[in-house]
């Protein structure tokens, strides 16, 4: 049995899940002729946002090779643990990481800053992200998510899927983008989401009333009427447009990490 690294940083309810996964992953990887280099917990389970029994336990594994025999060996392992993890682990190799930081800068920064290594070396210890690549990724995400919001609007049936749950479902995606805008601006990212949005307002000059209202509704479990929800939808789009304008004209230099 391989001992978990950084177990003191991992929530007690998550520790046995990771230990069980690791105990099965190691021999499976070896059977496929590969080596497990790192196993990392990331996302909400590595932060204060984790809710036991509800949140996913997100893990990524880094191996020295990525072959069909490896995937076949890991398949029954993942099936065995999916109920507790709630999502399949991500499997990648170092070459993939090295070649992907330019196209997935936001994702790698999220992994780096909200993760706990529980086996092997930290694969992102020397991660370097170009500020311009991060800026482009942020703009792409904002524009893409705005487009999908508009397309999803046409699919809403007010009788079955009112506006508020829809807005609540898209808010987390924009909070991720907000964090990365602050990283681009070299501003420390607060774990307090309201403080984070406040910092984003000050640094960009964009007033984010809808963002803050939606966050308050989500945190307090409040209900809104149909009229307010429509107003929030309109304001939310306007604020996203303003952030797009800011990012589109932002001049970068150097590294983001």
Foldseek 3Di string as FASTA:
>chain_A
DDFWPPPVQFDPVCVVLVVLLVVQLQVLQVVLVKGWAWKKWFDPRLHPNDDQPPDAGEMETEIQDDDPSSCVSCVVSQVVSCVRRVDGYHYYYLVCVVPCCLQPVLVVVRPVVRMDITDHDDSCPPPWHALVSLLVNLLVLLVVLLVVLVVVVVVDDCVPHALLVVVLVCLVSVLSSLQSVCLSVVHDADPPSLVSVVVSCVVQVQDDPLSNVSVVCVVVVHDDDRVVSVVSVVSNSVSSVSVSVSSVPDDHDDISD
